[in-house]
Amino acid sequence: MGRRYRVLLAAAAALLLWADLHTDEIPFLLGLTLIAAAALGAAEPRRRVVTWMVTGEVMFAAQLAVWLGWFSAPWPERGFPGAALAVPLLPSALGAFGGACVRRRAR
């Protein structure tokens, strides 16, 4: 992977992690995931699967860290964050593959 892509991916993951730990608005987080994945998918269309998996699982990682007690968050704990494992994958996939498709169509 290119250095530029790794930096952009780390920045997007850090933004999503920070947003998840500081708000309890799920639609906002899913929209932010869609936008971040679309931007990365358009920037590097060949790495759309990596973009999809990383941006899709940041929310689960954040909620797992809260559940384990490593961080605090504004939402009440409701047990193991199983829904956060699958739900963010849909907007992440739409963004990553949509951004890659738009980039390839533009060429």
C-alpha atoms as a PDB file:
ATOM      1  CA  MET A   1       0.000   0.000   0.000  1.00  0.00           C
ATOM      2  CA  GLY A   2       1.126   3.495  -0.739  1.00  0.00           C
ATOM      3  CA  ARG A   3       2.185   5.814   2.035  1.00  0.00           C
ATOM      4  CA  ARG A   4      -0.429   8.418   1.086  1.00  0.00           C
ATOM      5  CA  TYR A   5      -3.229   5.845   1.256  1.00  0.00           C
ATOM      6  CA  ARG A   6      -2.078   4.554   4.650  1.00  0.00           C
ATOM      7  CA  VAL A   7      -2.005   8.099   6.045  1.00  0.00           C
ATOM      8  CA  LEU A   8      -5.476   8.865   4.655  1.00  0.00           C
ATOM      9  CA  LEU A   9      -6.847   5.558   5.959  1.00  0.00           C
ATOM     10  CA  ALA A  10      -5.375   6.158   9.425  1.00  0.00           C
ATOM     11  CA  ALA A  11      -6.778   9.702   9.472  1.00  0.00           C
ATOM     12  CA  ALA A  12     -10.242   8.486   8.439  1.00  0.00           C
ATOM     13  CA  ALA A  13     -10.161   5.713  11.048  1.00  0.00           C
ATOM     14  CA  ALA A  14      -9.065   8.174  13.744  1.00  0.00           C
ATOM     15  CA  LEU A  15     -11.859  10.586  12.780  1.00  0.00           C
ATOM     16  CA  LEU A  16     -14.468   7.818  12.884  1.00  0.00           C
ATOM     17  CA  LEU A  17     -13.135   6.522  16.201  1.00  0.00           C
ATOM     18  CA  TRP A  18     -13.186  10.001  17.735  1.00  0.00           C
ATOM     19  CA  ALA A  19     -16.706  10.680  16.438  1.00  0.00           C
ATOM     20  CA  ASP A  20     -17.994   7.363  17.776  1.00  0.00           C
ATOM     21  CA  LEU A  21     -16.567   8.026  21.225  1.00  0.00           C
ATOM     22  CA  HIS A  22     -18.014  11.559  21.382  1.00  0.00           C
ATOM     23  CA  THR A  23     -21.568  11.201  20.087  1.00  0.00           C
ATOM     24  CA  ASP A  24     -24.439   8.784  20.427  1.00  0.00           C
ATOM     25  CA  GLU A  25     -26.121   9.708  17.130  1.00  0.00           C
ATOM     26  CA  ILE A  26     -26.015   6.545  15.041  1.00  0.00           C
ATOM     27  CA  PRO A  27     -27.306   8.122  11.769  1.00  0.00           C
ATOM     28  CA  PHE A  28     -24.558  10.761  11.982  1.00  0.00           C
ATOM     29  CA  LEU A  29     -21.903   8.086  12.489  1.00  0.00           C
ATOM     30  CA  LEU A  30     -23.186   5.963   9.618  1.00  0.00           C
ATOM     31  CA  GLY A  31     -23.273   9.009   7.341  1.00  0.00           C
ATOM     32  CA  LEU A  32     -19.744   9.941   8.335  1.00  0.00           C
ATOM     33  CA  THR A  33     -18.668   6.365   7.630  1.00  0.00           C
ATOM     34  CA  LEU A  34     -20.267   6.569   4.175  1.00  0.00           C
ATOM     35  CA  ILE A  35     -18.533   9.859   3.370  1.00  0.00           C
ATOM     36  CA  ALA A  36     -15.118   8.730   4.623  1.00  0.00           C
ATOM     37  CA  ALA A  37     -15.332   5.436   2.727  1.00  0.00           C
ATOM     38  CA  ALA A  38     -16.471   7.204  -0.452  1.00  0.00           C
ATOM     39  CA  ALA A  39     -13.576   9.653  -0.275  1.00  0.00           C
ATOM     40  CA  LEU A  40     -11.047   6.865   0.262  1.00  0.00           C
ATOM     41  CA  GLY A  41     -12.666   4.683  -2.401  1.00  0.00           C
ATOM     42  CA  ALA A  42     -12.393   7.522  -4.899  1.00  0.00           C
ATOM     43  CA  ALA A  43      -8.813   8.283  -3.866  1.00  0.00           C
ATOM     44  CA  GLU A  44      -7.649   4.675  -4.238  1.00  0.00           C
ATOM     45  CA  PRO A  45     -10.147   2.565  -6.219  1.00  0.00           C
ATOM     46  CA  ARG A  46      -7.864  -0.488  -6.254  1.00  0.00           C
ATOM     47  CA  ARG A  47      -7.956  -0.674  -2.458  1.00  0.00           C
ATOM     48  CA  ARG A  48     -11.735  -0.484  -2.075  1.00  0.00           C
ATOM     49  CA  VAL A  49     -11.975  -3.751  -0.123  1.00  0.00           C
ATOM     50  CA  VAL A  50      -9.401  -2.597   2.449  1.00  0.00           C
ATOM     51  CA  THR A  51     -11.238   0.723   2.716  1.00  0.00           C
ATOM     52  CA  TRP A  52     -14.537  -1.102   3.182  1.00  0.00           C
ATOM     53  CA  MET A  53     -13.266  -3.368   5.956  1.00  0.00           C
ATOM     54  CA  VAL A  54     -11.286  -0.750   7.896  1.00  0.00           C
ATOM     55  CA  THR A  55     -13.868   2.033   7.829  1.00  0.00           C
ATOM     56  CA  GLY A  56     -16.667  -0.459   8.462  1.00  0.00           C
ATOM     57  CA  GLU A  57     -15.167  -1.921  11.616  1.00  0.00           C
ATOM     58  CA  VAL A  58     -13.953   1.242  13.348  1.00  0.00           C
ATOM     59  CA  MET A  59     -17.331   1.705  15.054  1.00  0.00           C
ATOM     60  CA  PHE A  60     -17.210  -1.862  16.371  1.00  0.00           C
ATOM     61  CA  ALA A  61     -13.660  -1.347  17.640  1.00  0.00           C
ATOM     62  CA  ALA A  62     -14.686   1.834  19.460  1.00  0.00           C
ATOM     63  CA  GLN A  63     -17.732   0.252  21.064  1.00  0.00           C
ATOM     64  CA  LEU A  64     -15.748  -2.845  22.018  1.00  0.00           C
ATOM     65  CA  ALA A  65     -13.144  -0.619  23.699  1.00  0.00           C
ATOM     66  CA  VAL A  66     -15.931   1.089  25.682  1.00  0.00           C
ATOM     67  CA  TRP A  67     -17.427  -2.277  26.603  1.00  0.00           C
ATOM     68  CA  LEU A  68     -14.012  -3.475  27.829  1.00  0.00           C
ATOM     69  CA  GLY A  69     -13.678  -0.311  29.921  1.00  0.00           C
ATOM     70  CA  TRP A  70     -10.746   1.222  28.046  1.00  0.00           C
ATOM     71  CA  PHE A  71     -12.677   4.402  27.127  1.00  0.00           C
ATOM     72  CA  SER A  72     -15.814   6.171  28.269  1.00  0.00           C
ATOM     73  CA  ALA A  73     -18.588   7.210  25.910  1.00  0.00           C
ATOM     74  CA  PRO A  74     -21.776   9.333  26.043  1.00  0.00           C
ATOM     75  CA  TRP A  75     -24.091   6.370  25.522  1.00  0.00           C
ATOM     76  CA  PRO A  76     -25.166   3.902  28.222  1.00  0.00           C
ATOM     77  CA  GLU A  77     -23.594   0.473  28.058  1.00  0.00           C
ATOM     78  CA  ARG A  78     -26.010  -2.127  26.749  1.00  0.00           C
ATOM     79  CA  GLY A  79     -23.914  -5.259  26.749  1.00  0.00           C
ATOM     80  CA  PHE A  80     -21.730  -6.635  23.975  1.00  0.00           C
ATOM     81  CA  PRO A  81     -21.851  -4.381  20.872  1.00  0.00           C
ATOM     82  CA  GLY A  82     -22.755  -7.124  18.414  1.00  0.00           C
ATOM     83  CA  ALA A  83     -24.863  -4.901  16.150  1.00  0.00           C
ATOM     84  CA  ALA A  84     -21.902  -2.574  15.654  1.00  0.00           C
ATOM     85  CA  LEU A  85     -20.060  -5.478  14.055  1.00  0.00           C
ATOM     86  CA  ALA A  86     -22.337  -5.665  11.009  1.00  0.00           C
ATOM     87  CA  VAL A  87     -24.390  -2.453  10.737  1.00  0.00           C
ATOM     88  CA  PRO A  88     -21.554  -0.058   9.704  1.00  0.00           C
ATOM     89  CA  LEU A  89     -20.409  -2.439   6.975  1.00  0.00           C
ATOM     90  CA  LEU A  90     -23.303  -1.452   4.692  1.00  0.00           C
ATOM     91  CA  PRO A  91     -22.598   2.306   4.452  1.00  0.00           C
ATOM     92  CA  SER A  92     -18.902   1.540   4.344  1.00  0.00           C
ATOM     93  CA  ALA A  93     -19.366  -0.830   1.398  1.00  0.00           C
ATOM     94  CA  LEU A  94     -21.659   1.613  -0.404  1.00  0.00           C
ATOM     95  CA  GLY A  95     -19.121   4.393   0.078  1.00  0.00           C
ATOM     96  CA  ALA A  96     -15.975   2.450  -0.815  1.00  0.00           C
ATOM     97  CA  PHE A  97     -17.378   0.719  -3.877  1.00  0.00           C
ATOM     98  CA  GLY A  98     -19.407   3.773  -4.961  1.00  0.00           C
ATOM     99  CA  GLY A  99     -16.380   6.052  -4.690  1.00  0.00           C
ATOM    100  CA  ALA A 100     -14.264   3.577  -6.655  1.00  0.00           C
ATOM    101  CA  CYS A 101     -16.973   3.312  -9.323  1.00  0.00           C
ATOM    102  CA  VAL A 102     -17.243   7.103  -9.659  1.00  0.00           C
ATOM    103  CA  ARG A 103     -13.460   7.383  -9.957  1.00  0.00           C
ATOM    104  CA  ARG A 104     -13.269   4.684 -12.618  1.00  0.00           C
ATOM    105  CA  ARG A 105     -16.152   6.250 -14.571  1.00  0.00           C
ATOM    106  CA  ALA A 106     -14.388   9.619 -14.530  1.00  0.00           C
ATOM    107  CA  ARG A 107     -11.356   8.223 -16.347  1.00  0.00           C
END
